[in-house]
mmCIF file of all heavy atoms, coordinates in Angstrom:
data_MODEL
# 
_entry.id   MODEL 
# 
loop_
_atom_site.group_PDB 
_atom_site.id 
_atom_site.type_symbol 
_atom_site.label_atom_id 
_atom_site.label_alt_id 
_atom_site.label_comp_id 
_atom_site.label_asym_id 
_atom_site.label_entity_id 
_atom_site.label_seq_id 
_atom_site.pdbx_PDB_ins_code 
_atom_site.Cartn_x 
_atom_site.Cartn_y 
_atom_site.Cartn_z 
_atom_site.occupancy 
_atom_site.B_iso_or_equiv 
_atom_site.pdbx_formal_charge 
_atom_site.auth_seq_id 
_atom_site.auth_comp_id 
_atom_site.auth_asym_id 
_atom_site.auth_atom_id 
_atom_site.pdbx_PDB_model_num 
ATOM 1   N N   . ARG A 1 1  ? 38.560 67.360 31.030 1.00 0.00 ? 1  ARG A N   1 
ATOM 2   C CA  . ARG A 1 1  ? 37.646 66.533 30.234 1.00 0.00 ? 1  ARG A CA  1 
ATOM 3   C C   . ARG A 1 1  ? 37.097 67.300 29.048 1.00 0.00 ? 1  ARG A C   1 
ATOM 4   O O   . ARG A 1 1  ? 36.923 66.737 27.960 1.00 0.00 ? 1  ARG A O   1 
ATOM 5   C CB  . ARG A 1 1  ? 36.511 66.006 31.117 1.00 0.00 ? 1  ARG A CB  1 
ATOM 6   C CG  . ARG A 1 1  ? 36.961 64.976 32.144 1.00 0.00 ? 1  ARG A CG  1 
ATOM 7   C CD  . ARG A 1 1  ? 35.764 64.318 32.816 1.00 0.00 ? 1  ARG A CD  1 
ATOM 8   N NE  . ARG A 1 1  ? 35.017 63.510 31.856 1.00 0.00 ? 1  ARG A NE  1 
ATOM 9   C CZ  . ARG A 1 1  ? 33.694 63.577 31.698 1.00 0.00 ? 1  ARG A CZ  1 
ATOM 10  N NH1 . ARG A 1 1  ? 32.982 64.439 32.396 1.00 0.00 ? 1  ARG A NH1 1 
ATOM 11  N NH2 . ARG A 1 1  ? 33.081 62.802 30.828 1.00 0.00 ? 1  ARG A NH2 1 
ATOM 12  N N   . ILE A 1 2  ? 36.783 68.574 29.230 1.00 0.00 ? 2  ILE A N   1 
ATOM 13  C CA  . ILE A 1 2  ? 36.298 69.388 28.107 1.00 0.00 ? 2  ILE A CA  1 
ATOM 14  C C   . ILE A 1 2  ? 37.365 69.451 27.026 1.00 0.00 ? 2  ILE A C   1 
ATOM 15  O O   . ILE A 1 2  ? 37.071 69.302 25.828 1.00 0.00 ? 2  ILE A O   1 
ATOM 16  C CB  . ILE A 1 2  ? 35.946 70.813 28.574 1.00 0.00 ? 2  ILE A CB  1 
ATOM 17  C CG1 . ILE A 1 2  ? 34.876 70.794 29.649 1.00 0.00 ? 2  ILE A CG1 1 
ATOM 18  C CG2 . ILE A 1 2  ? 35.465 71.661 27.377 1.00 0.00 ? 2  ILE A CG2 1 
ATOM 19  C CD1 . ILE A 1 2  ? 34.736 72.111 30.394 1.00 0.00 ? 2  ILE A CD1 1 
ATOM 20  N N   . THR A 1 3  ? 38.606 69.655 27.434 1.00 0.00 ? 3  THR A N   1 
ATOM 21  C CA  . THR A 1 3  ? 39.712 69.731 26.479 1.00 0.00 ? 3  THR A CA  1 
ATOM 22  C C   . THR A 1 3  ? 39.803 68.460 25.649 1.00 0.00 ? 3  THR A C   1 
ATOM 23  O O   . THR A 1 3  ? 39.971 68.497 24.426 1.00 0.00 ? 3  THR A O   1 
ATOM 24  C CB  . THR A 1 3  ? 41.037 69.981 27.219 1.00 0.00 ? 3  THR A CB  1 
ATOM 25  O OG1 . THR A 1 3  ? 40.961 71.237 27.902 1.00 0.00 ? 3  THR A OG1 1 
ATOM 26  C CG2 . THR A 1 3  ? 42.214 70.021 26.256 1.00 0.00 ? 3  THR A CG2 1 
ATOM 27  N N   . GLY A 1 4  ? 39.687 67.310 26.307 1.00 0.00 ? 4  GLY A N   1 
ATOM 28  C CA  . GLY A 1 4  ? 39.736 66.041 25.594 1.00 0.00 ? 4  GLY A CA  1 
ATOM 29  C C   . GLY A 1 4  ? 38.575 65.878 24.635 1.00 0.00 ? 4  GLY A C   1 
ATOM 30  O O   . GLY A 1 4  ? 38.743 65.408 23.502 1.00 0.00 ? 4  GLY A O   1 
ATOM 31  N N   . MET A 1 5  ? 37.383 66.264 25.062 1.00 0.00 ? 5  MET A N   1 
ATOM 32  C CA  . MET A 1 5  ? 36.208 66.160 24.195 1.00 0.00 ? 5  MET A CA  1 
ATOM 33  C C   . MET A 1 5  ? 36.350 67.032 22.956 1.00 0.00 ? 5  MET A C   1 
ATOM 34  O O   . MET A 1 5  ? 36.075 66.601 21.826 1.00 0.00 ? 5  MET A O   1 
ATOM 35  C CB  . MET A 1 5  ? 34.947 66.580 24.968 1.00 0.00 ? 5  MET A CB  1 
ATOM 36  C CG  . MET A 1 5  ? 34.484 65.592 26.007 1.00 0.00 ? 5  MET A CG  1 
ATOM 37  S SD  . MET A 1 5  ? 32.977 66.189 26.818 1.00 0.00 ? 5  MET A SD  1 
ATOM 38  C CE  . MET A 1 5  ? 32.714 64.864 28.008 1.00 0.00 ? 5  MET A CE  1 
ATOM 39  N N   . VAL A 1 6  ? 36.764 68.281 23.155 1.00 0.00 ? 6  VAL A N   1 
ATOM 40  C CA  . VAL A 1 6  ? 36.902 69.212 22.029 1.00 0.00 ? 6  VAL A CA  1 
ATOM 41  C C   . VAL A 1 6  ? 37.984 68.728 21.071 1.00 0.00 ? 6  VAL A C   1 
ATOM 42  O O   . VAL A 1 6  ? 37.830 68.805 19.843 1.00 0.00 ? 6  VAL A O   1 
ATOM 43  C CB  . VAL A 1 6  ? 37.205 70.637 22.542 1.00 0.00 ? 6  VAL A CB  1 
ATOM 44  C CG1 . VAL A 1 6  ? 37.534 71.571 21.386 1.00 0.00 ? 6  VAL A CG1 1 
ATOM 45  C CG2 . VAL A 1 6  ? 36.017 71.178 23.330 1.00 0.00 ? 6  VAL A CG2 1 
ATOM 46  N N   . GLU A 1 7  ? 39.069 68.189 21.620 1.00 0.00 ? 7  GLU A N   1 
ATOM 47  C CA  . GLU A 1 7  ? 40.141 67.687 20.767 1.00 0.00 ? 7  GLU A CA  1 
ATOM 48  C C   . GLU A 1 7  ? 39.663 66.520 19.915 1.00 0.00 ? 7  GLU A C   1 
ATOM 49  O O   . GLU A 1 7  ? 39.926 66.455 18.706 1.00 0.00 ? 7  GLU A O   1 
ATOM 50  C CB  . GLU A 1 7  ? 41.335 67.270 21.625 1.00 0.00 ? 7  GLU A CB  1 
ATOM 51  C CG  . GLU A 1 7  ? 42.539 66.799 20.825 1.00 0.00 ? 7  GLU A CG  1 
ATOM 52  C CD  . GLU A 1 7  ? 43.108 67.878 19.917 1.00 0.00 ? 7  GLU A CD  1 
ATOM 53  O OE1 . GLU A 1 7  ? 42.949 69.076 20.231 1.00 0.00 ? 7  GLU A OE1 1 
ATOM 54  O OE2 . GLU A 1 7  ? 43.704 67.514 18.877 1.00 0.00 ? 7  GLU A OE2 1 
ATOM 55  N N   . ARG A 1 8  ? 38.944 65.581 20.525 1.00 0.00 ? 8  ARG A N   1 
ATOM 56  C CA  . ARG A 1 8  ? 38.430 64.432 19.760 1.00 0.00 ? 8  ARG A CA  1 
ATOM 57  C C   . ARG A 1 8  ? 37.385 64.864 18.741 1.00 0.00 ? 8  ARG A C   1 
ATOM 58  O O   . ARG A 1 8  ? 37.306 64.306 17.630 1.00 0.00 ? 8  ARG A O   1 
ATOM 59  C CB  . ARG A 1 8  ? 37.859 63.390 20.722 1.00 0.00 ? 8  ARG A CB  1 
ATOM 60  C CG  . ARG A 1 8  ? 38.925 62.727 21.603 1.00 0.00 ? 8  ARG A CG  1 
ATOM 61  C CD  . ARG A 1 8  ? 38.376 61.548 22.367 1.00 0.00 ? 8  ARG A CD  1 
ATOM 62  N NE  . ARG A 1 8  ? 37.373 61.894 23.352 1.00 0.00 ? 8  ARG A NE  1 
ATOM 63  C CZ  . ARG A 1 8  ? 37.639 62.299 24.594 1.00 0.00 ? 8  ARG A CZ  1 
ATOM 64  N NH1 . ARG A 1 8  ? 38.888 62.424 25.001 1.00 0.00 ? 8  ARG A NH1 1 
ATOM 65  N NH2 . ARG A 1 8  ? 36.655 62.580 25.446 1.00 0.00 ? 8  ARG A NH2 1 
ATOM 66  N N   . LEU A 1 9  ? 36.588 65.853 19.095 1.00 0.00 ? 9  LEU A N   1 
ATOM 67  C CA  . LEU A 1 9  ? 35.607 66.410 18.163 1.00 0.00 ? 9  LEU A CA  1 
ATOM 68  C C   . LEU A 1 9  ? 36.297 66.958 16.920 1.00 0.00 ? 9  LEU A C   1 
ATOM 69  O O   . LEU A 1 9  ? 35.882 66.693 15.781 1.00 0.00 ? 9  LEU A O   1 
ATOM 70  C CB  . LEU A 1 9  ? 34.812 67.517 18.866 1.00 0.00 ? 9  LEU A CB  1 
ATOM 71  C CG  . LEU A 1 9  ? 33.760 68.271 18.062 1.00 0.00 ? 9  LEU A CG  1 
ATOM 72  C CD1 . LEU A 1 9  ? 32.554 67.393 17.797 1.00 0.00 ? 9  LEU A CD1 1 
ATOM 73  C CD2 . LEU A 1 9  ? 33.330 69.538 18.807 1.00 0.00 ? 9  LEU A CD2 1 
ATOM 74  N N   . CYS A 1 10 ? 37.381 67.710 17.124 1.00 0.00 ? 10 CYS A N   1 
ATOM 75  C CA  . CYS A 1 10 ? 38.115 68.303 16.001 1.00 0.00 ? 10 CYS A CA  1 
ATOM 76  C C   . CYS A 1 10 ? 38.844 67.241 15.183 1.00 0.00 ? 10 CYS A C   1 
ATOM 77  O O   . CYS A 1 10 ? 38.866 67.300 13.942 1.00 0.00 ? 10 CYS A O   1 
ATOM 78  C CB  . CYS A 1 10 ? 39.107 69.342 16.511 1.00 0.00 ? 10 CYS A CB  1 
ATOM 79  S SG  . CYS A 1 10 ? 38.320 70.800 17.248 1.00 0.00 ? 10 CYS A SG  1 
ATOM 80  N N   . GLN A 1 11 ? 39.440 66.288 15.844 1.00 0.00 ? 11 GLN A N   1 
ATOM 81  C CA  . GLN A 1 11 ? 40.155 65.231 15.125 1.00 0.00 ? 11 GLN A CA  1 
ATOM 82  C C   . GLN A 1 11 ? 39.228 64.415 14.234 1.00 0.00 ? 11 GLN A C   1 
ATOM 83  O O   . GLN A 1 11 ? 39.610 63.975 13.149 1.00 0.00 ? 11 GLN A O   1 
ATOM 84  C CB  . GLN A 1 11 ? 40.851 64.305 16.131 1.00 0.00 ? 11 GLN A CB  1 
ATOM 85  C CG  . GLN A 1 11 ? 42.036 64.928 16.835 1.00 0.00 ? 11 GLN A CG  1 
ATOM 86  C CD  . GLN A 1 11 ? 42.603 64.023 17.912 1.00 0.00 ? 11 GLN A CD  1 
ATOM 87  O OE1 . GLN A 1 11 ? 42.006 63.007 18.273 1.00 0.00 ? 11 GLN A OE1 1 
ATOM 88  N NE2 . GLN A 1 11 ? 43.762 64.377 18.444 1.00 0.00 ? 11 GLN A NE2 1 
ATOM 89  N N   . THR A 1 12 ? 38.003 64.215 14.687 1.00 0.00 ? 12 THR A N   1 
ATOM 90  C CA  . THR A 1 12 ? 37.067 63.366 13.953 1.00 0.00 ? 12 THR A CA  1 
ATOM 91  C C   . THR A 1 12 ? 36.314 64.115 12.863 1.00 0.00 ? 12 THR A C   1 
ATOM 92  O O   . THR A 1 12 ? 36.102 63.593 11.763 1.00 0.00 ? 12 THR A O   1 
ATOM 93  C CB  . THR A 1 12 ? 36.052 62.729 14.926 1.00 0.00 ? 12 THR A CB  1 
ATOM 94  O OG1 . THR A 1 12 ? 36.767 62.029 15.960 1.00 0.00 ? 12 THR A OG1 1 
ATOM 95  C CG2 . THR A 1 12 ? 35.137 61.758 14.205 1.00 0.00 ? 12 THR A CG2 1 
ATOM 96  N N   . PHE A 1 13 ? 35.921 65.357 13.130 1.00 0.00 ? 13 PHE A N   1 
ATOM 97  C CA  . PHE A 1 13 ? 35.047 66.079 12.201 1.00 0.00 ? 13 PHE A CA  1 
ATOM 98  C C   . PHE A 1 13 ? 35.684 67.326 11.579 1.00 0.00 ? 13 PHE A C   1 
ATOM 99  O O   . PHE A 1 13 ? 35.102 67.909 10.654 1.00 0.00 ? 13 PHE A O   1 
ATOM 100 C CB  . PHE A 1 13 ? 33.760 66.489 12.929 1.00 0.00 ? 13 PHE A CB  1 
ATOM 101 C CG  . PHE A 1 13 ? 32.924 65.331 13.393 1.00 0.00 ? 13 PHE A CG  1 
ATOM 102 C CD1 . PHE A 1 13 ? 32.990 64.895 14.710 1.00 0.00 ? 13 PHE A CD1 1 
ATOM 103 C CD2 . PHE A 1 13 ? 32.088 64.663 12.514 1.00 0.00 ? 13 PHE A CD2 1 
ATOM 104 C CE1 . PHE A 1 13 ? 32.218 63.832 15.150 1.00 0.00 ? 13 PHE A CE1 1 
ATOM 105 C CE2 . PHE A 1 13 ? 31.317 63.589 12.936 1.00 0.00 ? 13 PHE A CE2 1 
ATOM 106 C CZ  . PHE A 1 13 ? 31.382 63.168 14.255 1.00 0.00 ? 13 PHE A CZ  1 
ATOM 107 N N   . GLY A 1 14 ? 36.836 67.752 12.090 1.00 0.00 ? 14 GLY A N   1 
ATOM 108 C CA  . GLY A 1 14 ? 37.453 68.966 11.574 1.00 0.00 ? 14 GLY A CA  1 
ATOM 109 C C   . GLY A 1 14 ? 38.455 68.684 10.457 1.00 0.00 ? 14 GLY A C   1 
ATOM 110 O O   . GLY A 1 14 ? 39.000 67.579 10.372 1.00 0.00 ? 14 GLY A O   1 
ATOM 111 N N   . PRO A 1 15 ? 38.726 69.664 9.604  1.00 0.00 ? 15 PRO A N   1 
ATOM 112 C CA  . PRO A 1 15 ? 39.707 69.474 8.527  1.00 0.00 ? 15 PRO A CA  1 
ATOM 113 C C   . PRO A 1 15 ? 41.126 69.373 9.088  1.00 0.00 ? 15 PRO A C   1 
ATOM 114 O O   . PRO A 1 15 ? 41.496 70.132 9.990  1.00 0.00 ? 15 PRO A O   1 
ATOM 115 C CB  . PRO A 1 15 ? 39.544 70.742 7.675  1.00 0.00 ? 15 PRO A CB  1 
ATOM 116 C CG  . PRO A 1 15 ? 39.024 71.763 8.643  1.00 0.00 ? 15 PRO A CG  1 
ATOM 117 C CD  . PRO A 1 15 ? 38.145 71.022 9.594  1.00 0.00 ? 15 PRO A CD  1 
ATOM 118 N N   . ARG A 1 16 ? 41.891 68.444 8.558  1.00 0.00 ? 16 ARG A N   1 
ATOM 119 C CA  . ARG A 1 16 ? 43.274 68.288 9.007  1.00 0.00 ? 16 ARG A CA  1 
ATOM 120 C C   . ARG A 1 16 ? 44.114 69.412 8.420  1.00 0.00 ? 16 ARG A C   1 
ATOM 121 O O   . ARG A 1 16 ? 44.105 69.650 7.212  1.00 0.00 ? 16 ARG A O   1 
ATOM 122 C CB  . ARG A 1 16 ? 43.842 66.936 8.566  1.00 0.00 ? 16 ARG A CB  1 
ATOM 123 C CG  . ARG A 1 16 ? 45.170 66.569 9.210  1.00 0.00 ? 16 ARG A CG  1 
ATOM 124 C CD  . ARG A 1 16 ? 45.608 65.179 8.746  1.00 0.00 ? 16 ARG A CD  1 
ATOM 125 N NE  . ARG A 1 16 ? 46.732 64.674 9.491  1.00 0.00 ? 16 ARG A NE  1 
ATOM 126 C CZ  . ARG A 1 16 ? 48.008 64.991 9.248  1.00 0.00 ? 16 ARG A CZ  1 
ATOM 127 N NH1 . ARG A 1 16 ? 48.296 65.820 8.264  1.00 0.00 ? 16 ARG A NH1 1 
ATOM 128 N NH2 . ARG A 1 16 ? 48.983 64.470 9.983  1.00 0.00 ? 16 ARG A NH2 1 
ATOM 129 N N   . LEU A 1 17 ? 44.833 70.121 9.261  1.00 0.00 ? 17 LEU A N   1 
ATOM 130 C CA  . LEU A 1 17 ? 45.643 71.256 8.818  1.00 0.00 ? 17 LEU A CA  1 
ATOM 131 C C   . LEU A 1 17 ? 47.083 70.851 8.551  1.00 0.00 ? 17 LEU A C   1 
ATOM 132 O O   . LEU A 1 17 ? 47.606 71.059 7.469  1.00 0.00 ? 17 LEU A O   1 
ATOM 133 C CB  . LEU A 1 17 ? 45.579 72.374 9.866  1.00 0.00 ? 17 LEU A CB  1 
ATOM 134 C CG  . LEU A 1 17 ? 44.181 72.944 10.155 1.00 0.00 ? 17 LEU A CG  1 
ATOM 135 C CD1 . LEU A 1 17 ? 44.239 73.983 11.261 1.00 0.00 ? 17 LEU A CD1 1 
ATOM 136 C CD2 . LEU A 1 17 ? 43.548 73.516 8.896  1.00 0.00 ? 17 LEU A CD2 1 
ATOM 137 N N   . LEU A 1 18 ? 47.722 70.244 9.535  1.00 0.00 ? 18 LEU A N   1 
ATOM 138 C CA  . LEU A 1 18 ? 49.100 69.784 9.379  1.00 0.00 ? 18 LEU A CA  1 
ATOM 139 C C   . LEU A 1 18 ? 49.508 69.008 10.618 1.00 0.00 ? 18 LEU A C   1 
ATOM 140 O O   . LEU A 1 18 ? 48.760 68.915 11.589 1.00 0.00 ? 18 LEU A O   1 
ATOM 141 C CB  . LEU A 1 18 ? 50.054 70.968 9.130  1.00 0.00 ? 18 LEU A CB  1 
ATOM 142 C CG  . LEU A 1 18 ? 50.033 72.169 10.098 1.00 0.00 ? 18 LEU A CG  1 
ATOM 143 C CD1 . LEU A 1 18 ? 50.794 71.891 11.377 1.00 0.00 ? 18 LEU A CD1 1 
ATOM 144 C CD2 . LEU A 1 18 ? 50.619 73.397 9.425  1.00 0.00 ? 18 LEU A CD2 1 
ATOM 145 N N   . GLN A 1 19 ? 50.715 68.448 10.562 1.00 0.00 ? 19 GLN A N   1 
ATOM 146 C CA  . GLN A 1 19 ? 51.252 67.710 11.703 1.00 0.00 ? 19 GLN A CA  1 
ATOM 147 C C   . GLN A 1 19 ? 52.594 68.295 12.089 1.00 0.00 ? 19 GLN A C   1 
ATOM 148 O O   . GLN A 1 19 ? 53.448 68.556 11.242 1.00 0.00 ? 19 GLN A O   1 
ATOM 149 C CB  . GLN A 1 19 ? 51.416 66.224 11.366 1.00 0.00 ? 19 GLN A CB  1 
ATOM 150 C CG  . GLN A 1 19 ? 51.937 65.394 12.540 1.00 0.00 ? 19 GLN A CG  1 
ATOM 151 C CD  . GLN A 1 19 ? 51.787 63.910 12.321 1.00 0.00 ? 19 GLN A CD  1 
ATOM 152 O OE1 . GLN A 1 19 ? 50.805 63.468 11.711 1.00 0.00 ? 19 GLN A OE1 1 
ATOM 153 N NE2 . GLN A 1 19 ? 52.736 63.127 12.808 1.00 0.00 ? 19 GLN A NE2 1 
ATOM 154 N N   . LEU A 1 20 ? 52.780 68.512 13.379 1.00 0.00 ? 20 LEU A N   1 
ATOM 155 C CA  . LEU A 1 20 ? 54.050 68.971 13.935 1.00 0.00 ? 20 LEU A CA  1 
ATOM 156 C C   . LEU A 1 20 ? 54.559 67.903 14.890 1.00 0.00 ? 20 LEU A C   1 
ATOM 157 O O   . LEU A 1 20 ? 53.858 67.544 15.842 1.00 0.00 ? 20 LEU A O   1 
ATOM 158 C CB  . LEU A 1 20 ? 53.875 70.304 14.670 1.00 0.00 ? 20 LEU A CB  1 
ATOM 159 C CG  . LEU A 1 20 ? 53.327 71.466 13.849 1.00 0.00 ? 20 LEU A CG  1 
ATOM 160 C CD1 . LEU A 1 20 ? 53.118 72.691 14.733 1.00 0.00 ? 20 LEU A CD1 1 
ATOM 161 C CD2 . LEU A 1 20 ? 54.265 71.809 12.692 1.00 0.00 ? 20 LEU A CD2 1 
ATOM 162 N N   . ASP A 1 21 ? 55.764 67.423 14.631 1.00 0.00 ? 21 ASP A N   1 
ATOM 163 C CA  . ASP A 1 21 ? 56.269 66.277 15.384 1.00 0.00 ? 21 ASP A CA  1 
ATOM 164 C C   . ASP A 1 21 ? 55.221 65.155 15.288 1.00 0.00 ? 21 ASP A C   1 
ATOM 165 O O   . ASP A 1 21 ? 54.834 64.773 14.207 1.00 0.00 ? 21 ASP A O   1 
ATOM 166 C CB  . ASP A 1 21 ? 56.591 66.675 16.826 1.00 0.00 ? 21 ASP A CB  1 
ATOM 167 C CG  . ASP A 1 21 ? 57.692 67.735 16.876 1.00 0.00 ? 21 ASP A CG  1 
ATOM 168 O OD1 . ASP A 1 21 ? 58.711 67.569 16.180 1.00 0.00 ? 21 ASP A OD1 1 
ATOM 169 O OD2 . ASP A 1 21 ? 57.512 68.743 17.592 1.00 0.00 ? 21 ASP A OD2 1 
ATOM 170 N N   . ASP A 1 22 ? 54.704 64.672 16.405 1.00 0.00 ? 22 ASP A N   1 
ATOM 171 C CA  . ASP A 1 22 ? 53.707 63.602 16.351 1.00 0.00 ? 22 ASP A CA  1 
ATOM 172 C C   . ASP A 1 22 ? 52.298 64.112 16.658 1.00 0.00 ? 22 ASP A C   1 
ATOM 173 O O   . ASP A 1 22 ? 51.395 63.333 16.961 1.00 0.00 ? 22 ASP A O   1 
ATOM 174 C CB  . ASP A 1 22 ? 54.074 62.489 17.328 1.00 0.00 ? 22 ASP A CB  1 
ATOM 175 C CG  . ASP A 1 22 ? 54.152 62.994 18.770 1.00 0.00 ? 22 ASP A CG  1 
ATOM 176 O OD1 . ASP A 1 22 ? 54.153 64.225 18.980 1.00 0.00 ? 22 ASP A OD1 1 
ATOM 177 O OD2 . ASP A 1 22 ? 54.219 62.156 19.689 1.00 0.00 ? 22 ASP A OD2 1 
ATOM 178 N N   . VAL A 1 23 ? 52.092 65.420 16.565 1.00 0.00 ? 23 VAL A N   1 
ATOM 179 C CA  . VAL A 1 23 ? 50.798 66.021 16.888 1.00 0.00 ? 23 VAL A CA  1 
ATOM 180 C C   . VAL A 1 23 ? 50.114 66.501 15.610 1.00 0.00 ? 23 VAL A C   1 
ATOM 181 O O   . VAL A 1 23 ? 50.664 67.338 14.879 1.00 0.00 ? 23 VAL A O   1 
ATOM 182 C CB  . VAL A 1 23 ? 50.959 67.214 17.854 1.00 0.00 ? 23 VAL A CB  1 
ATOM 183 C CG1 . VAL A 1 23 ? 49.596 67.808 18.192 1.00 0.00 ? 23 VAL A CG1 1 
ATOM 184 C CG2 . VAL A 1 23 ? 51.688 66.782 19.122 1.00 0.00 ? 23 VAL A CG2 1 
ATOM 185 N N   . ALA A 1 24 ? 48.925 65.968 15.329 1.00 0.00 ? 24 ALA A N   1 
ATOM 186 C CA  . ALA A 1 24 ? 48.130 66.403 14.177 1.00 0.00 ? 24 ALA A CA  1 
ATOM 187 C C   . ALA A 1 24 ? 47.178 67.514 14.621 1.00 0.00 ? 24 ALA A C   1 
ATOM 188 O O   . ALA A 1 24 ? 46.508 67.399 15.651 1.00 0.00 ? 24 ALA A O   1 
ATOM 189 C CB  . ALA A 1 24 ? 47.345 65.233 13.606 1.00 0.00 ? 24 ALA A CB  1 
ATOM 190 N N   . TYR A 1 25 ? 47.131 68.590 13.838 1.00 0.00 ? 25 TYR A N   1 
ATOM 191 C CA  . TYR A 1 25 ? 46.272 69.725 14.153 1.00 0.00 ? 25 TYR A CA  1 
ATOM 192 C C   . TYR A 1 25 ? 45.115 69.786 13.159 1.00 0.00 ? 25 TYR A C   1 
ATOM 193 O O   . TYR A 1 25 ? 45.307 69.615 11.954 1.00 0.00 ? 25 TYR A O   1 
ATOM 194 C CB  . TYR A 1 25 ? 47.071 71.031 14.108 1.00 0.00 ? 25 TYR A CB  1 
ATOM 195 C CG  . TYR A 1 25 ? 48.025 71.181 15.271 1.00 0.00 ? 25 TYR A CG  1 
ATOM 196 C CD1 . TYR A 1 25 ? 49.326 70.683 15.199 1.00 0.00 ? 25 TYR A CD1 1 
ATOM 197 C CD2 . TYR A 1 25 ? 47.613 71.795 16.453 1.00 0.00 ? 25 TYR A CD2 1 
ATOM 198 C CE1 . TYR A 1 25 ? 50.201 70.801 16.274 1.00 0.00 ? 25 TYR A CE1 1 
ATOM 199 C CE2 . TYR A 1 25 ? 48.481 71.922 17.526 1.00 0.00 ? 25 TYR A CE2 1 
ATOM 200 C CZ  . TYR A 1 25 ? 49.768 71.425 17.439 1.00 0.00 ? 25 TYR A CZ  1 
ATOM 201 O OH  . TYR A 1 25 ? 50.627 71.542 18.507 1.00 0.00 ? 25 TYR A OH  1 
ATOM 202 N N   . HIS A 1 26 ? 43.925 70.046 13.691 1.00 0.00 ? 26 HIS A N   1 
ATOM 203 C CA  . HIS A 1 26 ? 42.716 70.124 12.881 1.00 0.00 ? 26 HIS A CA  1 
ATOM 204 C C   . HIS A 1 26 ? 42.003 71.447 13.120 1.00 0.00 ? 26 HIS A C   1 
ATOM 205 O O   . HIS A 1 26 ? 42.046 72.001 14.224 1.00 0.00 ? 26 HIS A O   1 
ATOM 206 C CB  . HIS A 1 26 ? 41.759 68.980 13.224 1.00 0.00 ? 26 HIS A CB  1 
ATOM 207 C CG  . HIS A 1 26 ? 42.277 67.624 12.888 1.00 0.00 ? 26 HIS A CG  1 
ATOM 208 N ND1 . HIS A 1 26 ? 43.246 66.995 13.645 1.00 0.00 ? 26 HIS A ND1 1 
ATOM 209 C CD2 . HIS A 1 26 ? 41.973 66.769 11.878 1.00 0.00 ? 26 HIS A CD2 1 
ATOM 210 C CE1 . HIS A 1 26 ? 43.507 65.815 13.119 1.00 0.00 ? 26 HIS A CE1 1 
ATOM 211 N NE2 . HIS A 1 26 ? 42.751 65.652 12.049 1.00 0.00 ? 26 HIS A NE2 1 
# 
């Protein structure tokens, strides 16, 4: 659950870095 929360936190408020395959990294 922590992993999911941190991931959603980054996706919503963090700068988008790039996308690999279908995964967006922030």
